[in-house]
Amino acid sequence: MQDKIKCGVIGAGWWATYAHIPALLAHPDAQLVAIQNNNPQEAKKIAQDFGIPNACTTAGELLSIEGMAAIVVSSSPNLHYEDAFAALALGKHVLIEKPMTLTVAEAMALVKIADEHGAQFLISCPWHHTAHAIESQRLIRKGALGQIRMISVLMTNPIDELLRGTNTQPTHGKPYMHPRAGTYSDPTVAGGGQIYAQVCHAAAYLTFLTGARASEVFARFHNDGAALDIYDVLDIRMDDSSIVTIASTGATSLERKDFEVRVFGTEGMLFLDLWRGTLEFVPLVGEPRVYPDLTKNAVYPHLAPAMNLIDSVLNPLRNQSPATLGLAAMEVIEGATRSVKSGNNVLVSSLVEQPA
């Protein structure tokens, strides 16, 4: 019988206790041996409540545990780079939360060190694991749509109070704990507002679907009186010559979420509504194909990223969300933030300086 994969979670906070820890505890081939939270009392309580042997207060303490093979990095965004680098440098397999890092250069460095150590490296994007996502990727990659010419994305999610720092009540599921104040609203911690917290999903999804990466980005943000961006509009050219628009905001009703992705090719079109779990393929010639709606639980498979980390360690071909997608998203994010500051179009090729 194969030994179980020893794993740990760095940054055991709101999302880790809601998604990653339950997923690792449920995976038959995983053994969750440690969690890390820099508050000793919180760390101890989380470990006790979830039945985890080791409660650590530093990433170094967790990484020093003998036999540790797979790590989830779910710390605040400003710590993603150092936590993931420490794990990857030791040859650990890593799932990193979104946004991957705060800069393109940091994301590139992480991908590089993962490659050097032959480590599985994944970005946590549950949308990449739905049946509709996998089918859409298959249709696009096999050429059913012909050449991709245009993609339109509308993404909303009611997190503006998190971005403004006025309320830490999460909008997803029943939480074990709440996000810490500042995790989403402090620029030094979060990096930015909607662009880092949510557009990262949409940007990664573009490359997930088509394999293309952004080559140019133009953006406009509206902060609506907040310290960070609340409304974002992006105009992107991809390296396959397709053009993309992304409109996204966290200021929406608690009863209304949108994630509409419309892909237009020379031979057909795809219409996805991710929050509602619908998918339709419309060829330019022939009958449309409407796919069965996803069940409510399958719309946003929040357990899937950590599950897929373990699956990928066992078989690298099962990696459904490689961290290169997180790097692709960072190219869009940093390109957009620089565009907003300068008022100009930004070439992604100008974002490649290495970190000191």
Protein backbone atom coordinates (compact mmCIF):
# COMPACT_ATOMS: atom_id res chain seq x y z
CA MET A 1 0.00 0.00 0.00
CA GLN A 2 1.35 3.42 -0.97
CA ASP A 3 2.16 5.76 1.90
CA LYS A 4 -0.05 8.79 2.20
CA ILE A 5 1.34 12.15 1.09
CA LYS A 6 2.24 14.27 4.08
CA CYS A 7 1.00 17.80 3.62
CA GLY A 8 0.64 21.08 5.44
CA VAL A 9 -1.16 24.41 5.12
CA ILE A 10 0.67 27.72 5.49
CA GLY A 11 -1.78 30.50 6.30
CA ALA A 12 -4.65 28.67 7.98
CA GLY A 13 -7.22 31.45 7.86
CA TRP A 14 -10.72 31.97 6.50
CA TRP A 15 -10.34 30.29 3.09
CA ALA A 16 -7.99 27.53 4.21
CA THR A 17 -10.36 26.45 6.98
CA TYR A 18 -13.32 26.60 4.58
CA ALA A 19 -11.75 24.88 1.56
CA HIS A 20 -8.19 23.56 1.72
CA ILE A 21 -8.12 21.90 5.13
CA PRO A 22 -11.41 20.02 4.61
CA ALA A 23 -10.23 18.95 1.13
CA LEU A 24 -6.93 17.55 2.37
CA LEU A 25 -8.62 15.78 5.27
CA ALA A 26 -11.06 14.19 2.81
CA HIS A 27 -8.49 13.03 0.24
CA PRO A 28 -7.76 9.32 0.71
CA ASP A 29 -4.10 9.71 -0.27
CA ALA A 30 -3.34 12.79 1.86
CA GLN A 31 -2.18 13.04 5.46
CA LEU A 32 -2.57 16.58 6.78
CA VAL A 33 0.06 16.76 9.51
CA ALA A 34 0.41 20.50 10.18
CA ILE A 35 -1.17 23.91 9.80
CA GLN A 36 0.39 27.35 10.31
CA ASN A 37 -1.21 30.48 11.70
CA ASN A 38 0.93 33.26 13.18
CA ASN A 39 -1.47 33.62 16.12
CA PRO A 40 -0.52 30.82 18.59
CA GLN A 41 -4.01 30.61 20.09
CA GLU A 42 -5.69 30.45 16.67
CA ALA A 43 -3.18 27.89 15.42
CA LYS A 44 -3.77 25.63 18.40
CA LYS A 45 -7.55 25.89 18.18
CA ILE A 46 -7.62 25.18 14.42
CA ALA A 47 -5.38 22.14 14.85
CA GLN A 48 -7.53 20.82 17.70
CA ASP A 49 -10.84 21.45 15.97
CA PHE A 50 -9.76 19.75 12.74
CA GLY A 51 -7.74 16.96 14.39
CA ILE A 52 -4.37 18.01 12.96
CA PRO A 53 -1.26 16.92 14.92
CA ASN A 54 0.93 20.03 14.59
CA ALA A 55 0.02 23.69 15.14
CA CYS A 56 2.81 25.93 13.83
CA THR A 57 3.23 29.69 14.04
CA THR A 58 5.85 30.11 11.29
CA ALA A 59 6.24 28.73 7.80
CA GLY A 60 9.77 27.60 8.65
CA GLU A 61 8.51 25.52 11.56
CA LEU A 62 5.99 23.78 9.35
CA LEU A 63 8.44 23.16 6.51
CA SER A 64 10.96 21.58 8.89
CA ILE A 65 8.59 18.72 9.74
CA GLU A 66 10.13 15.49 8.47
CA GLY A 67 8.57 13.92 5.39
CA MET A 68 6.45 16.92 4.42
CA ALA A 69 5.83 16.62 0.67
CA ALA A 70 2.97 18.94 -0.33
CA ILE A 71 2.16 22.44 0.85
CA VAL A 72 -0.82 24.73 0.43
CA VAL A 73 0.16 28.40 0.60
CA SER A 74 -2.93 30.26 1.73
CA SER A 75 -1.32 33.16 3.56
CA SER A 76 -2.12 36.80 2.77
CA PRO A 77 -1.05 37.91 -0.74
CA ASN A 78 1.98 39.86 0.46
CA LEU A 79 3.40 36.62 1.90
CA HIS A 80 2.69 34.32 -1.04
CA TYR A 81 6.07 34.81 -2.68
CA GLU A 82 8.26 34.17 0.36
CA ASP A 83 6.15 31.28 1.64
CA ALA A 84 5.96 29.53 -1.73
CA PHE A 85 9.63 30.17 -2.49
CA ALA A 86 10.64 28.61 0.85
CA ALA A 87 8.57 25.50 0.12
CA LEU A 88 9.61 25.13 -3.53
CA ALA A 89 13.29 25.64 -2.68
CA LEU A 90 13.00 22.53 -0.50
CA GLY A 91 11.48 20.57 -3.37
CA LYS A 92 7.96 20.56 -1.92
CA HIS A 93 4.94 20.41 -4.20
CA VAL A 94 2.87 23.57 -3.82
CA LEU A 95 -0.66 24.86 -4.32
CA ILE A 96 -0.64 28.65 -4.08
CA GLU A 97 -3.70 30.78 -3.49
CA LYS A 98 -4.66 33.61 -5.80
CA PRO A 99 -3.44 36.24 -6.46
CA MET A 100 -0.26 34.27 -7.05
CA THR A 101 2.08 37.09 -6.03
CA LEU A 102 2.16 40.88 -6.07
CA THR A 103 4.37 41.18 -9.19
CA VAL A 104 5.10 39.39 -12.43
CA ALA A 105 8.77 39.08 -11.50
CA GLU A 106 7.91 37.21 -8.30
CA ALA A 107 5.57 34.86 -10.16
CA MET A 108 8.24 34.15 -12.77
CA ALA A 109 10.78 33.36 -10.05
CA LEU A 110 8.43 30.87 -8.42
CA VAL A 111 7.68 29.08 -11.69
CA LYS A 112 11.40 28.89 -12.37
CA ILE A 113 12.35 27.37 -9.02
CA ALA A 114 9.48 24.88 -9.24
CA ASP A 115 10.79 23.76 -12.64
CA GLU A 116 14.33 23.48 -11.30
CA HIS A 117 13.19 21.17 -8.51
CA GLY A 118 10.70 19.18 -10.59
CA ALA A 119 7.93 20.17 -8.19
CA GLN A 120 4.25 20.20 -8.99
CA PHE A 121 3.11 23.82 -8.72
CA LEU A 122 -0.57 24.76 -8.94
CA ILE A 123 -2.65 27.93 -8.72
CA SER A 124 -5.86 27.76 -6.69
CA CYS A 125 -8.64 28.54 -9.18
CA PRO A 126 -11.73 26.35 -8.58
CA TRP A 127 -13.28 27.47 -11.89
CA HIS A 128 -10.65 25.40 -13.76
CA HIS A 129 -12.07 22.18 -12.35
CA THR A 130 -15.70 22.29 -13.50
CA ALA A 131 -17.03 19.97 -16.21
CA HIS A 132 -17.95 23.01 -18.31
CA ALA A 133 -14.44 24.46 -18.04
CA ILE A 134 -12.85 21.21 -19.12
CA GLU A 135 -15.26 20.82 -22.05
CA SER A 136 -14.80 24.44 -23.14
CA GLN A 137 -11.04 24.06 -23.07
CA ARG A 138 -11.34 20.86 -25.13
CA LEU A 139 -13.55 22.49 -27.76
CA ILE A 140 -11.26 25.51 -28.13
CA ARG A 141 -8.02 23.54 -28.17
CA LYS A 142 -9.30 21.03 -30.76
CA GLY A 143 -10.33 23.92 -33.05
CA ALA A 144 -14.12 23.64 -32.87
CA LEU A 145 -14.34 27.44 -32.72
CA GLY A 146 -11.68 28.00 -35.37
CA GLN A 147 -9.33 30.88 -34.63
CA ILE A 148 -10.26 32.82 -31.51
CA ARG A 149 -10.89 36.45 -32.35
CA MET A 150 -12.67 38.00 -29.34
CA ILE A 151 -13.55 37.20 -25.73
CA SER A 152 -15.90 39.18 -23.51
CA VAL A 153 -15.95 38.69 -19.73
CA LEU A 154 -18.28 40.15 -17.12
CA MET A 155 -17.39 39.19 -13.55
CA THR A 156 -19.10 40.41 -10.38
CA ASN A 157 -18.94 39.12 -6.81
CA PRO A 158 -20.24 41.02 -3.74
CA ILE A 159 -16.96 41.61 -1.91
CA ASP A 160 -16.81 45.41 -1.94
CA GLU A 161 -17.10 45.61 1.86
CA LEU A 162 -14.03 43.38 2.15
CA LEU A 163 -12.21 45.62 -0.35
CA ARG A 164 -13.25 48.76 1.56
CA GLY A 165 -12.39 47.21 4.93
CA THR A 166 -15.86 47.97 6.31
CA ASN A 167 -16.91 44.38 6.94
CA THR A 168 -15.01 41.08 7.13
CA GLN A 169 -18.09 38.90 6.71
CA PRO A 170 -17.29 36.50 3.83
CA THR A 171 -19.88 36.05 1.12
CA HIS A 172 -19.14 32.40 0.37
CA GLY A 173 -20.46 29.53 2.46
CA LYS A 174 -20.60 29.22 6.24
CA PRO A 175 -17.16 30.21 7.53
CA TYR A 176 -15.25 28.62 10.37
CA MET A 177 -13.56 31.99 10.82
CA HIS A 178 -13.63 35.41 9.16
CA PRO A 179 -10.90 37.09 7.08
CA ARG A 180 -8.59 39.33 9.08
CA ALA A 181 -9.15 43.05 8.78
CA GLY A 182 -6.86 44.45 6.08
CA THR A 183 -6.30 41.22 4.17
CA TYR A 184 -8.39 42.59 1.30
CA SER A 185 -8.34 46.32 2.01
CA ASP A 186 -4.73 47.17 2.96
CA PRO A 187 -2.70 47.84 -0.23
CA THR A 188 0.52 46.61 1.40
CA VAL A 189 -1.16 43.27 2.17
CA ALA A 190 -3.60 42.76 -0.69
CA GLY A 191 -1.64 44.43 -3.50
CA GLY A 192 -4.82 45.97 -4.90
CA GLY A 193 -8.57 45.69 -4.81
CA GLN A 194 -10.83 44.01 -7.35
CA ILE A 195 -7.92 43.58 -9.78
CA TYR A 196 -5.98 41.37 -7.38
CA ALA A 197 -8.89 39.74 -5.55
CA GLN A 198 -11.18 38.81 -8.45
CA VAL A 199 -9.87 39.78 -11.90
CA CYS A 200 -7.08 37.29 -11.18
CA HIS A 201 -9.71 34.55 -11.69
CA ALA A 202 -10.90 35.94 -15.01
CA ALA A 203 -7.36 36.55 -16.28
CA ALA A 204 -6.20 33.02 -15.46
CA TYR A 205 -9.35 31.61 -17.05
CA LEU A 206 -8.49 33.24 -20.39
CA THR A 207 -5.20 31.35 -20.63
CA PHE A 208 -6.77 28.20 -19.20
CA LEU A 209 -9.27 28.16 -22.06
CA THR A 210 -7.15 29.19 -25.03
CA GLY A 211 -3.50 28.79 -24.04
CA ALA A 212 -2.87 32.38 -25.15
CA ARG A 213 -1.18 34.97 -22.91
CA ALA A 214 -1.70 38.72 -22.74
CA SER A 215 0.69 40.81 -24.82
CA GLU A 216 -0.83 44.27 -24.21
CA VAL A 217 -3.10 45.66 -21.50
CA PHE A 218 -5.04 48.92 -21.19
CA ALA A 219 -7.14 49.52 -18.08
CA ARG A 220 -9.27 51.97 -16.17
CA PHE A 221 -10.23 51.64 -12.48
CA HIS A 222 -12.80 53.46 -10.35
CA ASN A 223 -12.20 53.38 -6.60
CA ASP A 224 -15.56 54.92 -5.70
CA GLY A 225 -14.01 56.68 -2.70
CA ALA A 226 -12.15 53.59 -1.45
CA ALA A 227 -8.39 53.16 -1.08
CA LEU A 228 -8.42 50.34 -3.64
CA ASP A 229 -10.13 49.71 -6.96
CA ILE A 230 -13.79 48.65 -6.85
CA TYR A 231 -14.72 48.86 -10.57
CA ASP A 232 -12.28 47.62 -13.23
CA VAL A 233 -12.43 47.62 -17.03
CA LEU A 234 -9.61 46.05 -19.09
CA ASP A 235 -8.87 45.92 -22.80
CA ILE A 236 -6.36 43.18 -23.66
CA ARG A 237 -4.63 41.88 -26.75
CA MET A 238 -3.50 38.28 -26.47
CA ASP A 239 -0.45 36.77 -28.13
CA ASP A 240 -2.69 34.83 -30.54
CA SER A 241 -3.95 38.25 -31.81
CA SER A 242 -7.37 37.85 -30.16
CA ILE A 243 -8.84 40.82 -28.29
CA VAL A 244 -10.45 40.66 -24.84
CA THR A 245 -12.56 42.85 -22.62
CA ILE A 246 -12.97 42.26 -18.89
CA ALA A 247 -15.45 44.24 -16.79
CA SER A 248 -15.44 43.41 -13.09
CA THR A 249 -16.67 44.81 -9.79
CA GLY A 250 -17.15 43.77 -6.19
CA ALA A 251 -20.03 46.25 -5.77
CA THR A 252 -23.03 44.10 -6.52
CA SER A 253 -26.04 42.67 -4.75
CA LEU A 254 -25.56 39.74 -2.40
CA GLU A 255 -28.21 38.03 -4.48
CA ARG A 256 -26.49 38.61 -7.83
CA LYS A 257 -23.18 37.21 -9.06
CA ASP A 258 -22.04 37.20 -12.68
CA PHE A 259 -19.24 35.41 -14.46
CA GLU A 260 -20.16 35.47 -18.12
CA VAL A 261 -17.52 34.39 -20.62
CA ARG A 262 -18.30 34.71 -24.31
CA VAL A 263 -15.75 33.37 -26.79
CA PHE A 264 -16.03 34.26 -30.48
CA GLY A 265 -14.09 32.29 -33.07
CA THR A 266 -14.00 32.14 -36.85
CA GLU A 267 -16.08 28.95 -36.84
CA GLY A 268 -18.16 29.13 -33.69
CA MET A 269 -18.95 30.69 -30.34
CA LEU A 270 -19.06 29.60 -26.70
CA PHE A 271 -21.34 31.11 -24.09
CA LEU A 272 -20.51 30.27 -20.47
CA ASP A 273 -22.23 31.52 -17.35
CA LEU A 274 -20.03 30.20 -14.59
CA TRP A 275 -22.07 31.27 -11.57
CA ARG A 276 -25.23 29.80 -13.10
CA GLY A 277 -23.52 26.69 -14.43
CA THR A 278 -24.57 26.98 -18.07
CA LEU A 279 -22.69 26.30 -21.32
CA GLU A 280 -23.72 26.59 -24.97
CA PHE A 281 -21.64 26.00 -28.11
CA VAL A 282 -22.96 27.74 -31.23
CA PRO A 283 -21.19 26.80 -34.49
CA LEU A 284 -21.48 29.26 -37.36
CA VAL A 285 -22.79 26.36 -39.42
CA GLY A 286 -24.90 23.70 -37.77
CA GLU A 287 -27.05 23.30 -34.69
CA PRO A 288 -26.20 24.81 -31.30
CA ARG A 289 -25.26 22.43 -28.50
CA VAL A 290 -26.64 23.21 -25.05
CA TYR A 291 -24.92 21.30 -22.25
CA PRO A 292 -26.67 20.12 -19.09
CA ASP A 293 -26.55 22.72 -16.34
CA LEU A 294 -24.12 22.05 -13.52
CA THR A 295 -25.57 21.13 -10.16
CA LYS A 296 -25.38 23.78 -7.44
CA ASN A 297 -22.47 22.05 -5.71
CA ALA A 298 -20.55 21.68 -8.99
CA VAL A 299 -20.70 25.37 -9.95
CA TYR A 300 -17.81 26.41 -7.70
CA PRO A 301 -15.85 23.32 -6.59
CA HIS A 302 -13.91 24.97 -3.76
CA LEU A 303 -12.41 21.69 -2.56
CA ALA A 304 -10.98 20.81 -5.98
CA PRO A 305 -7.68 22.79 -5.93
CA ALA A 306 -6.27 21.08 -2.81
CA MET A 307 -7.60 17.73 -4.00
CA ASN A 308 -5.85 18.30 -7.32
CA LEU A 309 -2.58 19.10 -5.54
CA ILE A 310 -2.51 15.57 -4.14
CA ASP A 311 -3.65 14.05 -7.44
CA SER A 312 -0.86 15.92 -9.26
CA VAL A 313 1.80 14.64 -6.87
CA LEU A 314 0.64 11.10 -7.64
CA ASN A 315 0.38 11.78 -11.39
CA PRO A 316 1.66 15.07 -12.87
CA LEU A 317 -0.61 14.63 -15.89
CA ARG A 318 -3.57 15.30 -13.59
CA ASN A 319 -2.48 18.88 -12.87
CA GLN A 320 -5.57 20.79 -13.99
CA SER A 321 -4.42 24.26 -12.92
CA PRO A 322 -0.65 24.77 -13.29
CA ALA A 323 0.87 27.86 -11.70
CA THR A 324 1.82 29.17 -15.14
CA LEU A 325 -1.85 30.23 -15.29
CA GLY A 326 -1.25 32.30 -12.18
CA LEU A 327 1.75 33.89 -13.89
CA ALA A 328 -0.42 34.66 -16.93
CA ALA A 329 -2.94 36.32 -14.62
CA MET A 330 -0.19 38.37 -12.94
CA GLU A 331 0.84 39.69 -16.36
CA VAL A 332 -2.69 41.01 -16.83
CA ILE A 333 -2.90 42.37 -13.26
CA GLU A 334 0.41 44.21 -13.25
CA GLY A 335 -0.14 45.40 -16.80
CA ALA A 336 -3.52 46.81 -15.74
CA THR A 337 -2.22 48.56 -12.62
CA ARG A 338 0.63 50.14 -14.58
CA SER A 339 -1.77 51.20 -17.31
CA VAL A 340 -4.02 52.92 -14.76
CA LYS A 341 -1.05 54.79 -13.28
CA SER A 342 0.34 55.91 -16.63
CA GLY A 343 -2.86 56.26 -18.64
CA ASN A 344 -1.17 54.31 -21.42
CA ASN A 345 -1.27 50.92 -23.05
CA VAL A 346 1.27 48.58 -21.39
CA LEU A 347 3.31 45.91 -23.14
CA VAL A 348 3.58 42.74 -21.06
CA SER A 349 7.14 42.36 -22.31
CA SER A 350 8.02 45.42 -20.19
CA LEU A 351 7.08 43.61 -16.96
CA VAL A 352 9.82 41.01 -16.88
CA GLU A 353 12.50 42.52 -14.63
CA GLN A 354 13.63 40.04 -11.99
CA PRO A 355 13.20 40.64 -8.25
CA ALA A 356 16.23 41.79 -6.27
